[in-house]
């Protein structure tokens, strides 16, 4: 793993697509976003879910564990976010003992 200084995907991303949900769900409580910080932490919010991320950096990918709440229920999981050739971010998100979802994001 490289450090955050080498990572190309730091910053705020706007989640624009999901394979399980439509845009109205993604933006239910506000704009759906993923933030990748340079301090080992990040945040994501979409639908009724808000979560904090613990990050491990690669040059064009991050891996993370996450925890937060979804409609008032505690949720946790793991995931990754990888830069595509077209400049979009593909986010693979797994809920512990539950769903998996693929999200697409663009720089905001």
PDB file of N, CA and C in Angstrom:
ATOM      1  N   UNK A   1       0.848  -1.191   0.000  1.00  0.00           N
ATOM      2  CA  UNK A   1       0.000   0.000   0.000  1.00  0.00           C
ATOM      3  C   UNK A   1       0.887   1.245   0.000  1.00  0.00           C
ATOM      4  N   UNK A   2       0.471   2.211  -0.716  1.00  0.00           N
ATOM      5  CA  UNK A   2       1.174   3.489  -0.699  1.00  0.00           C
ATOM      6  C   UNK A   2       0.501   4.405   0.309  1.00  0.00           C
ATOM      7  N   UNK A   3       1.129   5.532   0.548  1.00  0.00           N
ATOM      8  CA  UNK A   3       0.563   6.488   1.492  1.00  0.00           C
ATOM      9  C   UNK A   3      -0.417   7.414   0.821  1.00  0.00           C
ATOM     10  N   UNK A   4      -1.093   8.235   1.620  1.00  0.00           N
ATOM     11  CA  UNK A   4      -2.099   9.131   1.060  1.00  0.00           C
ATOM     12  C   UNK A   4      -1.536  10.141   0.065  1.00  0.00           C
ATOM     13  N   UNK A   5      -0.266  10.515   0.204  1.00  0.00           N
ATOM     14  CA  UNK A   5       0.301  11.512  -0.707  1.00  0.00           C
ATOM     15  C   UNK A   5       0.343  10.994  -2.147  1.00  0.00           C
ATOM     16  N   UNK A   6       0.446   9.670  -2.326  1.00  0.00           N
ATOM     17  CA  UNK A   6       0.497   9.066  -3.658  1.00  0.00           C
ATOM     18  C   UNK A   6      -0.880   8.738  -4.224  1.00  0.00           C
ATOM     19  N   UNK A   7      -1.911   8.862  -3.425  1.00  0.00           N
ATOM     20  CA  UNK A   7      -3.254   8.430  -3.816  1.00  0.00           C
ATOM     21  C   UNK A   7      -3.913   9.461  -4.738  1.00  0.00           C
ATOM     22  N   UNK A   8      -4.408   9.010  -5.886  1.00  0.00           N
ATOM     23  CA  UNK A   8      -5.025   9.891  -6.882  1.00  0.00           C
ATOM     24  C   UNK A   8      -6.493  10.201  -6.606  1.00  0.00           C
ATOM     25  N   UNK A   9      -7.098   9.549  -5.616  1.00  0.00           N
ATOM     26  CA  UNK A   9      -8.552   9.687  -5.454  1.00  0.00           C
ATOM     27  C   UNK A   9      -8.959  10.394  -4.164  1.00  0.00           C
ATOM     28  N   UNK A  10      -8.021  11.113  -3.551  1.00  0.00           N
ATOM     29  CA  UNK A  10      -8.370  11.897  -2.365  1.00  0.00           C
ATOM     30  C   UNK A  10      -9.406  12.953  -2.731  1.00  0.00           C
ATOM     31  N   UNK A  11     -10.257  13.284  -1.790  1.00  0.00           N
ATOM     32  CA  UNK A  11     -11.211  14.361  -2.004  1.00  0.00           C
ATOM     33  C   UNK A  11     -12.651  13.890  -1.937  1.00  0.00           C
ATOM     34  N   UNK A  12     -13.517  14.761  -2.418  1.00  0.00           N
ATOM     35  CA  UNK A  12     -14.963  14.522  -2.338  1.00  0.00           C
ATOM     36  C   UNK A  12     -15.494  14.044  -3.689  1.00  0.00           C
ATOM     37  N   UNK A  13     -16.305  13.010  -3.649  1.00  0.00           N
ATOM     38  CA  UNK A  13     -16.899  12.408  -4.829  1.00  0.00           C
ATOM     39  C   UNK A  13     -18.411  12.400  -4.687  1.00  0.00           C
ATOM     40  N   UNK A  14     -19.103  12.595  -5.782  1.00  0.00           N
ATOM     41  CA  UNK A  14     -20.566  12.579  -5.818  1.00  0.00           C
ATOM     42  C   UNK A  14     -21.017  11.227  -6.346  1.00  0.00           C
ATOM     43  N   UNK A  15     -21.732  10.462  -5.524  1.00  0.00           N
ATOM     44  CA  UNK A  15     -22.243   9.158  -5.941  1.00  0.00           C
ATOM     45  C   UNK A  15     -23.428   9.394  -6.878  1.00  0.00           C
ATOM     46  N   UNK A  16     -23.329   8.864  -8.101  1.00  0.00           N
ATOM     47  CA  UNK A  16     -24.333   9.153  -9.131  1.00  0.00           C
ATOM     48  C   UNK A  16     -25.123   7.931  -9.586  1.00  0.00           C
ATOM     49  N   UNK A  17     -24.696   6.747  -9.166  1.00  0.00           N
ATOM     50  CA  UNK A  17     -25.349   5.542  -9.674  1.00  0.00           C
ATOM     51  C   UNK A  17     -25.124   4.385  -8.710  1.00  0.00           C
ATOM     52  N   UNK A  18     -26.094   3.473  -8.649  1.00  0.00           N
ATOM     53  CA  UNK A  18     -25.979   2.253  -7.846  1.00  0.00           C
ATOM     54  C   UNK A  18     -26.666   1.115  -8.576  1.00  0.00           C
ATOM     55  N   UNK A  19     -26.154  -0.100  -8.393  1.00  0.00           N
ATOM     56  CA  UNK A  19     -26.795  -1.231  -9.059  1.00  0.00           C
ATOM     57  C   UNK A  19     -28.035  -1.730  -8.317  1.00  0.00           C
ATOM     58  N   UNK A  20     -28.247  -1.325  -7.058  1.00  0.00           N
ATOM     59  CA  UNK A  20     -29.417  -1.765  -6.284  1.00  0.00           C
ATOM     60  C   UNK A  20     -30.508  -0.715  -6.149  1.00  0.00           C
ATOM     61  N   UNK A  21     -30.149   0.568  -6.225  1.00  0.00           N
ATOM     62  CA  UNK A  21     -31.110   1.634  -5.937  1.00  0.00           C
ATOM     63  C   UNK A  21     -31.105   2.672  -7.044  1.00  0.00           C
ATOM     64  N   UNK A  22     -32.201   3.420  -7.149  1.00  0.00           N
ATOM     65  CA  UNK A  22     -32.267   4.502  -8.129  1.00  0.00           C
ATOM     66  C   UNK A  22     -31.779   5.811  -7.502  1.00  0.00           C
ATOM     67  N   UNK A  23     -31.672   6.833  -8.329  1.00  0.00           N
ATOM     68  CA  UNK A  23     -31.159   8.130  -7.884  1.00  0.00           C
ATOM     69  C   UNK A  23     -31.980   8.782  -6.800  1.00  0.00           C
ATOM     70  N   UNK A  24     -33.289   8.571  -6.807  1.00  0.00           N
ATOM     71  CA  UNK A  24     -34.114   9.198  -5.771  1.00  0.00           C
ATOM     72  C   UNK A  24     -33.792   8.626  -4.395  1.00  0.00           C
ATOM     73  N   UNK A  25     -33.471   7.327  -4.313  1.00  0.00           N
ATOM     74  CA  UNK A  25     -33.067   6.762  -3.025  1.00  0.00           C
ATOM     75  C   UNK A  25     -31.677   7.255  -2.643  1.00  0.00           C
ATOM     76  N   UNK A  26     -30.752   7.248  -3.583  1.00  0.00           N
ATOM     77  CA  UNK A  26     -29.382   7.671  -3.274  1.00  0.00           C
ATOM     78  C   UNK A  26     -29.359   9.056  -2.642  1.00  0.00           C
ATOM     79  N   UNK A  27     -30.196   9.968  -3.121  1.00  0.00           N
ATOM     80  CA  UNK A  27     -30.203  11.357  -2.667  1.00  0.00           C
ATOM     81  C   UNK A  27     -31.338  11.652  -1.690  1.00  0.00           C
ATOM     82  N   UNK A  28     -31.846  10.633  -1.026  1.00  0.00           N
ATOM     83  CA  UNK A  28     -32.989  10.756  -0.124  1.00  0.00           C
ATOM     84  C   UNK A  28     -32.788  11.814   0.959  1.00  0.00           C
ATOM     85  N   UNK A  29     -31.643  11.821   1.617  1.00  0.00           N
ATOM     86  CA  UNK A  29     -31.400  12.742   2.732  1.00  0.00           C
ATOM     87  C   UNK A  29     -30.402  13.838   2.368  1.00  0.00           C
ATOM     88  N   UNK A  30     -30.137  14.014   1.088  1.00  0.00           N
ATOM     89  CA  UNK A  30     -29.168  14.997   0.622  1.00  0.00           C
ATOM     90  C   UNK A  30     -28.309  14.368  -0.448  1.00  0.00           C
ATOM     91  N   UNK A  31     -27.378  15.132  -1.015  1.00  0.00           N
ATOM     92  CA  UNK A  31     -26.523  14.595  -2.068  1.00  0.00           C
ATOM     93  C   UNK A  31     -25.734  13.375  -1.583  1.00  0.00           C
ATOM     94  N   UNK A  32     -25.729  12.323  -2.384  1.00  0.00           N
ATOM     95  CA  UNK A  32     -24.971  11.114  -2.068  1.00  0.00           C
ATOM     96  C   UNK A  32     -23.493  11.388  -2.319  1.00  0.00           C
ATOM     97  N   UNK A  33     -22.658  11.201  -1.301  1.00  0.00           N
ATOM     98  CA  UNK A  33     -21.247  11.555  -1.412  1.00  0.00           C
ATOM     99  C   UNK A  33     -20.338  10.516  -0.762  1.00  0.00           C
ATOM    100  N   UNK A  34     -19.095  10.514  -1.220  1.00  0.00           N
ATOM    101  CA  UNK A  34     -17.995   9.771  -0.613  1.00  0.00           C
ATOM    102  C   UNK A  34     -16.842  10.746  -0.483  1.00  0.00           C
ATOM    103  N   UNK A  35     -16.269  10.848   0.711  1.00  0.00           N
ATOM    104  CA  UNK A  35     -15.116  11.709   0.941  1.00  0.00           C
ATOM    105  C   UNK A  35     -13.950  10.845   1.381  1.00  0.00           C
ATOM    106  N   UNK A  36     -12.821  10.961   0.671  1.00  0.00           N
ATOM    107  CA  UNK A  36     -11.613  10.209   0.977  1.00  0.00           C
ATOM    108  C   UNK A  36     -10.591  11.195   1.506  1.00  0.00           C
ATOM    109  N   UNK A  37     -10.356  11.155   2.807  1.00  0.00           N
ATOM    110  CA  UNK A  37      -9.432  12.082   3.443  1.00  0.00           C
ATOM    111  C   UNK A  37      -7.991  11.617   3.339  1.00  0.00           C
ATOM    112  N   UNK A  38      -7.057  12.508   3.662  1.00  0.00           N
ATOM    113  CA  UNK A  38      -5.636  12.167   3.632  1.00  0.00           C
ATOM    114  C   UNK A  38      -5.106  11.789   5.011  1.00  0.00           C
ATOM    115  N   UNK A  39      -6.017  11.587   5.969  1.00  0.00           N
ATOM    116  CA  UNK A  39      -5.635  11.291   7.352  1.00  0.00           C
ATOM    117  C   UNK A  39      -6.032   9.883   7.790  1.00  0.00           C
ATOM    118  N   UNK A  40      -6.320   8.996   6.819  1.00  0.00           N
ATOM    119  CA  UNK A  40      -6.721   7.631   7.141  1.00  0.00           C
ATOM    120  C   UNK A  40      -8.205   7.461   7.379  1.00  0.00           C
ATOM    121  N   UNK A  41      -8.959   8.544   7.210  1.00  0.00           N
ATOM    122  CA  UNK A  41     -10.396   8.501   7.473  1.00  0.00           C
ATOM    123  C   UNK A  41     -11.171   9.115   6.313  1.00  0.00           C
ATOM    124  N   UNK A  42     -12.430   8.720   6.217  1.00  0.00           N
ATOM    125  CA  UNK A  42     -13.317   9.262   5.206  1.00  0.00           C
ATOM    126  C   UNK A  42     -14.752   9.159   5.676  1.00  0.00           C
ATOM    127  N   UNK A  43     -15.664   9.565   4.817  1.00  0.00           N
ATOM    128  CA  UNK A  43     -17.094   9.533   5.130  1.00  0.00           C
ATOM    129  C   UNK A  43     -17.864   9.188   3.868  1.00  0.00           C
ATOM    130  N   UNK A  44     -19.031   8.566   4.065  1.00  0.00           N
ATOM    131  CA  UNK A  44     -19.944   8.379   2.946  1.00  0.00           C
ATOM    132  C   UNK A  44     -21.365   8.553   3.452  1.00  0.00           C
ATOM    133  N   UNK A  45     -22.200   9.032   2.546  1.00  0.00           N
ATOM    134  CA  UNK A  45     -23.610   9.242   2.868  1.00  0.00           C
ATOM    135  C   UNK A  45     -24.423   9.035   1.599  1.00  0.00           C
ATOM    136  N   UNK A  46     -25.433   8.204   1.701  1.00  0.00           N
ATOM    137  CA  UNK A  46     -26.405   8.036   0.623  1.00  0.00           C
ATOM    138  C   UNK A  46     -27.658   7.420   1.216  1.00  0.00           C
ATOM    139  N   UNK A  47     -28.799   7.685   0.587  1.00  0.00           N
ATOM    140  CA  UNK A  47     -30.060   7.188   1.130  1.00  0.00           C
ATOM    141  C   UNK A  47     -30.238   7.693   2.546  1.00  0.00           C
ATOM    142  N   UNK A  48     -30.530   6.785   3.459  1.00  0.00           N
ATOM    143  CA  UNK A  48     -30.654   7.127   4.883  1.00  0.00           C
ATOM    144  C   UNK A  48     -29.407   6.711   5.653  1.00  0.00           C
ATOM    145  N   UNK A  49     -28.323   6.370   4.947  1.00  0.00           N
ATOM    146  CA  UNK A  49     -27.105   5.871   5.569  1.00  0.00           C
ATOM    147  C   UNK A  49     -26.033   6.942   5.651  1.00  0.00           C
ATOM    148  N   UNK A  50     -25.380   7.004   6.806  1.00  0.00           N
ATOM    149  CA  UNK A  50     -24.195   7.838   7.007  1.00  0.00           C
ATOM    150  C   UNK A  50     -23.168   6.970   7.701  1.00  0.00           C
ATOM    151  N   UNK A  51     -21.904   7.030   7.244  1.00  0.00           N
ATOM    152  CA  UNK A  51     -20.879   6.168   7.815  1.00  0.00           C
ATOM    153  C   UNK A  51     -19.517   6.841   7.787  1.00  0.00           C
ATOM    154  N   UNK A  52     -18.668   6.413   8.705  1.00  0.00           N
ATOM    155  CA  UNK A  52     -17.265   6.813   8.758  1.00  0.00           C
ATOM    156  C   UNK A  52     -16.426   5.676   8.192  1.00  0.00           C
ATOM    157  N   UNK A  53     -15.313   6.034   7.547  1.00  0.00           N
ATOM    158  CA  UNK A  53     -14.442   5.051   6.907  1.00  0.00           C
ATOM    159  C   UNK A  53     -13.062   5.067   7.544  1.00  0.00           C
ATOM    160  N   UNK A  54     -12.458   3.894   7.697  1.00  0.00           N
ATOM    161  CA  UNK A  54     -11.044   3.739   8.044  1.00  0.00           C
ATOM    162  C   UNK A  54     -10.348   3.236   6.787  1.00  0.00           C
ATOM    163  N   UNK A  55      -9.417   4.040   6.258  1.00  0.00           N
ATOM    164  CA  UNK A  55      -8.868   3.835   4.919  1.00  0.00           C
ATOM    165  C   UNK A  55      -7.477   3.217   4.907  1.00  0.00           C
ATOM    166  N   UNK A  56      -7.204   2.439   3.852  1.00  0.00           N
ATOM    167  CA  UNK A  56      -5.865   1.995   3.470  1.00  0.00           C
ATOM    168  C   UNK A  56      -5.689   2.422   2.017  1.00  0.00           C
ATOM    169  N   UNK A  57      -4.583   3.080   1.722  1.00  0.00           N
ATOM    170  CA  UNK A  57      -4.406   3.733   0.424  1.00  0.00           C
ATOM    171  C   UNK A  57      -3.559   2.925  -0.546  1.00  0.00           C
ATOM    172  N   UNK A  58      -3.952   2.949  -1.799  1.00  0.00           N
ATOM    173  CA  UNK A  58      -3.140   2.563  -2.933  1.00  0.00           C
ATOM    174  C   UNK A  58      -3.042   3.788  -3.836  1.00  0.00           C
ATOM    175  N   UNK A  59      -2.376   3.657  -4.962  1.00  0.00           N
ATOM    176  CA  UNK A  59      -2.228   4.810  -5.852  1.00  0.00           C
ATOM    177  C   UNK A  59      -3.562   5.223  -6.473  1.00  0.00           C
ATOM    178  N   UNK A  60      -4.350   4.269  -6.941  1.00  0.00           N
ATOM    179  CA  UNK A  60      -5.633   4.597  -7.570  1.00  0.00           C
ATOM    180  C   UNK A  60      -6.785   3.794  -6.961  1.00  0.00           C
ATOM    181  N   UNK A  61      -6.572   3.316  -5.726  1.00  0.00           N
ATOM    182  CA  UNK A  61      -7.596   2.541  -5.029  1.00  0.00           C
ATOM    183  C   UNK A  61      -7.458   2.761  -3.524  1.00  0.00           C
ATOM    184  N   UNK A  62      -8.567   2.714  -2.831  1.00  0.00           N
ATOM    185  CA  UNK A  62      -8.538   2.660  -1.367  1.00  0.00           C
ATOM    186  C   UNK A  62      -9.395   1.473  -0.929  1.00  0.00           C
ATOM    187  N   UNK A  63      -8.975   0.858   0.156  1.00  0.00           N
ATOM    188  CA  UNK A  63      -9.743  -0.191   0.811  1.00  0.00           C
ATOM    189  C   UNK A  63     -10.187   0.371   2.142  1.00  0.00           C
ATOM    190  N   UNK A  64     -11.349  -0.054   2.625  1.00  0.00           N
ATOM    191  CA  UNK A  64     -11.825   0.520   3.874  1.00  0.00           C
ATOM    192  C   UNK A  64     -12.742  -0.419   4.639  1.00  0.00           C
ATOM    193  N   UNK A  65     -12.777  -0.195   5.939  1.00  0.00           N
ATOM    194  CA  UNK A  65     -13.821  -0.704   6.830  1.00  0.00           C
ATOM    195  C   UNK A  65     -14.682   0.500   7.138  1.00  0.00           C
ATOM    196  N   UNK A  66     -15.973   0.282   7.316  1.00  0.00           N
ATOM    197  CA  UNK A  66     -16.873   1.396   7.580  1.00  0.00           C
ATOM    198  C   UNK A  66     -17.883   1.013   8.650  1.00  0.00           C
ATOM    199  N   UNK A  67     -18.395   2.040   9.317  1.00  0.00           N
ATOM    200  CA  UNK A  67     -19.435   1.861  10.321  1.00  0.00           C
ATOM    201  C   UNK A  67     -20.275   3.115  10.406  1.00  0.00           C
ATOM    202  N   UNK A  68     -21.573   2.928  10.641  1.00  0.00           N
ATOM    203  CA  UNK A  68     -22.467   4.072  10.720  1.00  0.00           C
ATOM    204  C   UNK A  68     -23.879   3.644  11.032  1.00  0.00           C
ATOM    205  N   UNK A  69     -24.836   4.423  10.538  1.00  0.00           N
ATOM    206  CA  UNK A  69     -26.245   4.102  10.779  1.00  0.00           C
ATOM    207  C   UNK A  69     -27.029   4.209   9.477  1.00  0.00           C
ATOM    208  N   UNK A  70     -28.056   3.374   9.380  1.00  0.00           N
ATOM    209  CA  UNK A  70     -28.956   3.367   8.233  1.00  0.00           C
ATOM    210  C   UNK A  70     -30.370   3.244   8.780  1.00  0.00           C
ATOM    211  N   UNK A  71     -31.150   4.306   8.634  1.00  0.00           N
ATOM    212  CA  UNK A  71     -32.503   4.384   9.193  1.00  0.00           C
ATOM    213  C   UNK A  71     -32.506   4.095  10.693  1.00  0.00           C
ATOM    214  N   UNK A  72     -31.457   4.571  11.382  1.00  0.00           N
ATOM    215  CA  UNK A  72     -31.358   4.421  12.828  1.00  0.00           C
ATOM    216  C   UNK A  72     -30.735   3.120  13.290  1.00  0.00           C
ATOM    217  N   UNK A  73     -30.496   2.172  12.381  1.00  0.00           N
ATOM    218  CA  UNK A  73     -29.868   0.903  12.736  1.00  0.00           C
ATOM    219  C   UNK A  73     -28.367   0.991  12.515  1.00  0.00           C
ATOM    220  N   UNK A  74     -27.595   0.393  13.431  1.00  0.00           N
ATOM    221  CA  UNK A  74     -26.147   0.345  13.271  1.00  0.00           C
ATOM    222  C   UNK A  74     -25.806  -0.594  12.119  1.00  0.00           C
ATOM    223  N   UNK A  75     -24.920  -0.137  11.233  1.00  0.00           N
ATOM    224  CA  UNK A  75     -24.465  -0.943  10.101  1.00  0.00           C
ATOM    225  C   UNK A  75     -22.949  -0.847  10.003  1.00  0.00           C
ATOM    226  N   UNK A  76     -22.327  -1.931   9.550  1.00  0.00           N
ATOM    227  CA  UNK A  76     -20.879  -1.983   9.360  1.00  0.00           C
ATOM    228  C   UNK A  76     -20.592  -2.770   8.092  1.00  0.00           C
ATOM    229  N   UNK A  77     -19.372  -2.635   7.622  1.00  0.00           N
ATOM    230  CA  UNK A  77     -18.994  -3.397   6.442  1.00  0.00           C
ATOM    231  C   UNK A  77     -17.590  -3.065   5.985  1.00  0.00           C
ATOM    232  N   UNK A  78     -17.311  -3.448   4.755  1.00  0.00           N
ATOM    233  CA  UNK A  78     -16.011  -3.198   4.148  1.00  0.00           C
ATOM    234  C   UNK A  78     -16.237  -2.792   2.701  1.00  0.00           C
ATOM    235  N   UNK A  79     -15.180  -2.317   2.072  1.00  0.00           N
ATOM    236  CA  UNK A  79     -15.328  -1.920   0.686  1.00  0.00           C
ATOM    237  C   UNK A  79     -14.039  -1.444   0.068  1.00  0.00           C
ATOM    238  N   UNK A  80     -14.166  -1.014  -1.167  1.00  0.00           N
ATOM    239  CA  UNK A  80     -13.051  -0.433  -1.899  1.00  0.00           C
ATOM    240  C   UNK A  80     -13.599   0.607  -2.863  1.00  0.00           C
ATOM    241  N   UNK A  81     -12.737   1.509  -3.254  1.00  0.00           N
ATOM    242  CA  UNK A  81     -13.069   2.521  -4.258  1.00  0.00           C
ATOM    243  C   UNK A  81     -11.878   2.608  -5.200  1.00  0.00           C
ATOM    244  N   UNK A  82     -12.140   2.399  -6.492  1.00  0.00           N
ATOM    245  CA  UNK A  82     -11.060   2.347  -7.470  1.00  0.00           C
ATOM    246  C   UNK A  82     -11.338   3.297  -8.628  1.00  0.00           C
ATOM    247  N   UNK A  83     -10.298   3.998  -9.044  1.00  0.00           N
ATOM    248  CA  UNK A  83     -10.388   4.938 -10.157  1.00  0.00           C
ATOM    249  C   UNK A  83     -10.442   4.181 -11.479  1.00  0.00           C
ATOM    250  N   UNK A  84     -11.465   4.465 -12.284  1.00  0.00           N
ATOM    251  CA  UNK A  84     -11.602   3.880 -13.622  1.00  0.00           C
ATOM    252  C   UNK A  84     -10.852   4.725 -14.644  1.00  0.00           C
ATOM    253  N   UNK A  85     -10.609   4.148 -15.819  1.00  0.00           N
ATOM    254  CA  UNK A  85      -9.917   4.865 -16.893  1.00  0.00           C
ATOM    255  C   UNK A  85     -10.660   6.117 -17.338  1.00  0.00           C
ATOM    256  N   UNK A  86     -11.995   6.129 -17.200  1.00  0.00           N
ATOM    257  CA  UNK A  86     -12.781   7.296 -17.622  1.00  0.00           C
ATOM    258  C   UNK A  86     -12.871   8.387 -16.551  1.00  0.00           C
ATOM    259  N   UNK A  87     -12.136   8.226 -15.438  1.00  0.00           N
ATOM    260  CA  UNK A  87     -12.122   9.240 -14.387  1.00  0.00           C
ATOM    261  C   UNK A  87     -13.203   9.071 -13.338  1.00  0.00           C
ATOM    262  N   UNK A  88     -14.088   8.089 -13.514  1.00  0.00           N
ATOM    263  CA  UNK A  88     -15.103   7.820 -12.492  1.00  0.00           C
ATOM    264  C   UNK A  88     -14.523   6.896 -11.428  1.00  0.00           C
ATOM    265  N   UNK A  89     -15.211   6.821 -10.325  1.00  0.00           N
ATOM    266  CA  UNK A  89     -14.806   5.976  -9.211  1.00  0.00           C
ATOM    267  C   UNK A  89     -15.812   4.838  -9.092  1.00  0.00           C
ATOM    268  N   UNK A  90     -15.333   3.607  -9.032  1.00  0.00           N
ATOM    269  CA  UNK A  90     -16.206   2.458  -8.799  1.00  0.00           C
ATOM    270  C   UNK A  90     -16.041   2.028  -7.352  1.00  0.00           C
ATOM    271  N   UNK A  91     -17.145   2.025  -6.630  1.00  0.00           N
ATOM    272  CA  UNK A  91     -17.140   1.709  -5.203  1.00  0.00           C
ATOM    273  C   UNK A  91     -17.829   0.371  -5.009  1.00  0.00           C
ATOM    274  N   UNK A  92     -17.104  -0.597  -4.463  1.00  0.00           N
ATOM    275  CA  UNK A  92     -17.668  -1.900  -4.108  1.00  0.00           C
ATOM    276  C   UNK A  92     -17.903  -1.863  -2.607  1.00  0.00           C
ATOM    277  N   UNK A  93     -19.143  -2.030  -2.200  1.00  0.00           N
ATOM    278  CA  UNK A  93     -19.523  -1.877  -0.798  1.00  0.00           C
ATOM    279  C   UNK A  93     -20.203  -3.153  -0.319  1.00  0.00           C
ATOM    280  N   UNK A  94     -19.720  -3.702   0.794  1.00  0.00           N
ATOM    281  CA  UNK A  94     -20.329  -4.888   1.399  1.00  0.00           C
ATOM    282  C   UNK A  94     -20.788  -4.548   2.801  1.00  0.00           C
ATOM    283  N   UNK A  95     -22.036  -4.861   3.074  1.00  0.00           N
ATOM    284  CA  UNK A  95     -22.564  -4.769   4.435  1.00  0.00           C
ATOM    285  C   UNK A  95     -22.216  -6.082   5.135  1.00  0.00           C
ATOM    286  N   UNK A  96     -21.764  -6.042   6.391  1.00  0.00           N
ATOM    287  CA  UNK A  96     -21.493  -7.267   7.126  1.00  0.00           C
ATOM    288  C   UNK A  96     -22.780  -8.080   7.228  1.00  0.00           C
ATOM    289  N   UNK A  97     -22.716  -9.332   6.816  1.00  0.00           N
ATOM    290  CA  UNK A  97     -23.849 -10.269   6.874  1.00  0.00           C
ATOM    291  C   UNK A  97     -25.063  -9.799   6.084  1.00  0.00           C
ATOM    292  N   UNK A  98     -24.872  -9.078   4.976  1.00  0.00           N
ATOM    293  CA  UNK A  98     -26.039  -8.571   4.256  1.00  0.00           C
ATOM    294  C   UNK A  98     -25.697  -8.293   2.800  1.00  0.00           C
ATOM    295  N   UNK A  99     -26.207  -7.192   2.265  1.00  0.00           N
ATOM    296  CA  UNK A  99     -26.113  -6.848   0.850  1.00  0.00           C
ATOM    297  C   UNK A  99     -24.714  -6.442   0.410  1.00  0.00           C
ATOM    298  N   UNK A 100     -24.523  -6.544  -0.897  1.00  0.00           N
ATOM    299  CA  UNK A 100     -23.374  -5.964  -1.575  1.00  0.00           C
ATOM    300  C   UNK A 100     -23.919  -5.038  -2.646  1.00  0.00           C
ATOM    301  N   UNK A 101     -23.240  -3.919  -2.844  1.00  0.00           N
ATOM    302  CA  UNK A 101     -23.698  -2.949  -3.834  1.00  0.00           C
ATOM    303  C   UNK A 101     -22.485  -2.359  -4.549  1.00  0.00           C
ATOM    304  N   UNK A 102     -22.671  -2.028  -5.815  1.00  0.00           N
ATOM    305  CA  UNK A 102     -21.659  -1.321  -6.590  1.00  0.00           C
ATOM    306  C   UNK A 102     -22.193   0.073  -6.876  1.00  0.00           C
ATOM    307  N   UNK A 103     -21.381   1.071  -6.537  1.00  0.00           N
ATOM    308  CA  UNK A 103     -21.735   2.474  -6.737  1.00  0.00           C
ATOM    309  C   UNK A 103     -20.764   3.096  -7.738  1.00  0.00           C
ATOM    310  N   UNK A 104     -21.216   4.123  -8.417  1.00  0.00           N
ATOM    311  CA  UNK A 104     -20.360   4.884  -9.328  1.00  0.00           C
ATOM    312  C   UNK A 104     -20.372   6.329  -8.863  1.00  0.00           C
ATOM    313  N   UNK A 105     -19.190   6.967  -8.873  1.00  0.00           N
ATOM    314  CA  UNK A 105     -19.086   8.352  -8.405  1.00  0.00           C
ATOM    315  C   UNK A 105     -18.239   9.177  -9.371  1.00  0.00           C
ATOM    316  N   UNK A 106     -18.495  10.484  -9.347  1.00  0.00           N
ATOM    317  CA  UNK A 106     -17.717  11.466 -10.113  1.00  0.00           C
ATOM    318  C   UNK A 106     -17.183  12.516  -9.144  1.00  0.00           C
ATOM    319  N   UNK A 107     -16.050  13.099  -9.476  1.00  0.00           N
ATOM    320  CA  UNK A 107     -15.495  14.163  -8.619  1.00  0.00           C
ATOM    321  C   UNK A 107     -16.492  15.295  -8.480  1.00  0.00           C
ATOM    322  N   UNK A 108     -16.622  15.811  -7.232  1.00  0.00           N
ATOM    323  CA  UNK A 108     -17.524  16.962  -7.063  1.00  0.00           C
ATOM    324  C   UNK A 108     -16.749  18.243  -6.933  1.00  0.00           C
TER     325      UNK A 108
END
